[in-house]
Amino acid sequence: MTRQKMLWSFILSQIVYVLFIAVWLFIAGFSVMMFDDPSAMSDTKTWLIFSYIVAYPLGLLAALIGGWVLFARTRYKAALIWNAIPLIWIVPMLGFLVYSQF
């Protein structure tokens, strides 16, 4: 992949990732409802799911910084892999949305 194609794929994918912040805000706001049952405060699974949801901005920030650093060092394959970190959150969310429509 040429440098120019890599640059445009980086820019477009990161714009999409940043747009998902609005979706994340909605999901993070409603994820607090997982704790409506008093026994949920001591449930480990609930805390793990909540932590997974809340960690999206950290994964996005790590992908943005790490991807551009590797891109500047001309390690394009590693930069693409690093840039795919936010997909850990986006793909399951899209899967749940598609599943709920059918």
Protein backbone atom coordinates (compact mmCIF):
# COMPACT_ATOMS: atom_id res chain seq x y z
CA MET A 1 0.00 0.00 0.00
CA THR A 2 1.37 3.37 -0.95
CA ARG A 3 1.89 6.14 1.56
CA GLN A 4 -0.88 8.26 0.02
CA LYS A 5 -3.47 5.43 0.18
CA MET A 6 -2.40 4.64 3.71
CA LEU A 7 -2.79 8.27 4.73
CA TRP A 8 -6.33 8.51 3.35
CA SER A 9 -7.40 5.20 4.87
CA PHE A 10 -6.05 6.39 8.21
CA ILE A 11 -7.86 9.70 8.03
CA LEU A 12 -11.19 8.18 6.95
CA SER A 13 -11.15 5.38 9.52
CA GLN A 14 -10.30 7.76 12.33
CA ILE A 15 -13.08 10.14 11.32
CA VAL A 16 -15.49 7.21 11.58
CA TYR A 17 -14.06 6.27 14.98
CA VAL A 18 -14.50 9.81 16.27
CA LEU A 19 -18.09 9.89 14.99
CA PHE A 20 -18.78 6.80 17.09
CA ILE A 21 -18.08 8.91 20.18
CA ALA A 22 -21.67 10.21 19.89
CA VAL A 23 -22.96 6.63 19.83
CA TRP A 24 -20.68 5.77 22.72
CA LEU A 25 -22.06 8.65 24.80
CA PHE A 26 -25.57 7.30 24.31
CA ILE A 27 -24.57 3.74 25.21
CA ALA A 28 -22.42 4.83 28.16
CA GLY A 29 -25.30 6.93 29.50
CA PHE A 30 -27.68 4.00 29.42
CA SER A 31 -25.11 1.49 30.67
CA VAL A 32 -25.57 2.92 34.15
CA MET A 33 -28.97 1.21 34.11
CA MET A 34 -27.14 -2.09 34.58
CA PHE A 35 -26.84 -1.11 38.23
CA ASP A 36 -30.57 -0.62 38.86
CA ASP A 37 -30.70 -3.85 40.85
CA PRO A 38 -28.97 -3.42 44.24
CA SER A 39 -27.28 -6.80 43.91
CA ALA A 40 -25.62 -5.67 40.66
CA MET A 41 -23.14 -3.57 42.59
CA SER A 42 -21.37 -6.73 43.72
CA ASP A 43 -21.69 -8.63 40.42
CA THR A 44 -18.34 -9.01 38.66
CA LYS A 45 -19.84 -9.57 35.20
CA THR A 46 -21.77 -6.31 35.39
CA TRP A 47 -18.63 -4.40 36.32
CA LEU A 48 -16.64 -6.03 33.51
CA ILE A 49 -19.27 -5.13 30.91
CA PHE A 50 -19.50 -1.59 32.27
CA SER A 51 -15.69 -1.24 32.20
CA TYR A 52 -15.62 -2.55 28.63
CA ILE A 53 -18.14 0.10 27.56
CA VAL A 54 -16.45 2.96 29.39
CA ALA A 55 -12.98 2.05 28.04
CA TYR A 56 -13.81 3.00 24.42
CA PRO A 57 -12.30 6.51 24.61
CA LEU A 58 -9.06 5.08 26.00
CA GLY A 59 -8.86 2.53 23.19
CA LEU A 60 -9.62 5.24 20.66
CA LEU A 61 -6.94 7.52 22.06
CA ALA A 62 -4.39 4.68 22.09
CA ALA A 63 -5.24 3.82 18.49
CA LEU A 64 -4.99 7.42 17.33
CA ILE A 65 -1.63 8.06 18.98
CA GLY A 66 -0.08 4.66 18.29
CA GLY A 67 -1.28 4.57 14.70
CA TRP A 68 0.15 7.95 13.81
CA VAL A 69 3.45 7.25 15.56
CA LEU A 70 3.85 4.01 13.61
CA PHE A 71 2.76 5.76 10.41
CA ALA A 72 5.45 8.40 10.92
CA ARG A 73 8.02 5.64 11.38
CA THR A 74 6.85 4.11 8.06
CA ARG A 75 5.70 0.88 9.71
CA TYR A 76 2.45 0.78 7.74
CA LYS A 77 1.28 -2.73 8.51
CA ALA A 78 1.74 -2.23 12.24
CA ALA A 79 0.01 1.15 11.98
CA LEU A 80 -3.03 -0.45 10.33
CA ILE A 81 -3.22 -3.12 13.02
CA TRP A 82 -2.87 -0.50 15.75
CA ASN A 83 -5.50 1.64 14.05
CA ALA A 84 -7.98 -1.26 14.24
CA ILE A 85 -8.13 -1.24 18.06
CA PRO A 86 -11.47 0.66 18.21
CA LEU A 87 -13.05 -2.12 16.16
CA ILE A 88 -12.98 -4.18 19.38
CA TRP A 89 -15.89 -1.96 20.50
CA ILE A 90 -17.51 -1.07 17.18
CA VAL A 91 -17.95 -4.53 15.64
CA PRO A 92 -19.87 -6.05 18.60
CA MET A 93 -22.03 -2.94 18.85
CA LEU A 94 -22.93 -3.13 15.16
CA GLY A 95 -23.57 -6.84 15.56
CA PHE A 96 -26.04 -6.18 18.39
CA LEU A 97 -27.75 -3.48 16.32
CA VAL A 98 -28.13 -5.80 13.32
CA TYR A 99 -29.34 -8.63 15.56
CA SER A 100 -31.95 -6.41 17.21
CA GLN A 101 -33.40 -5.39 13.83
CA PHE A 102 -34.31 -8.96 12.87
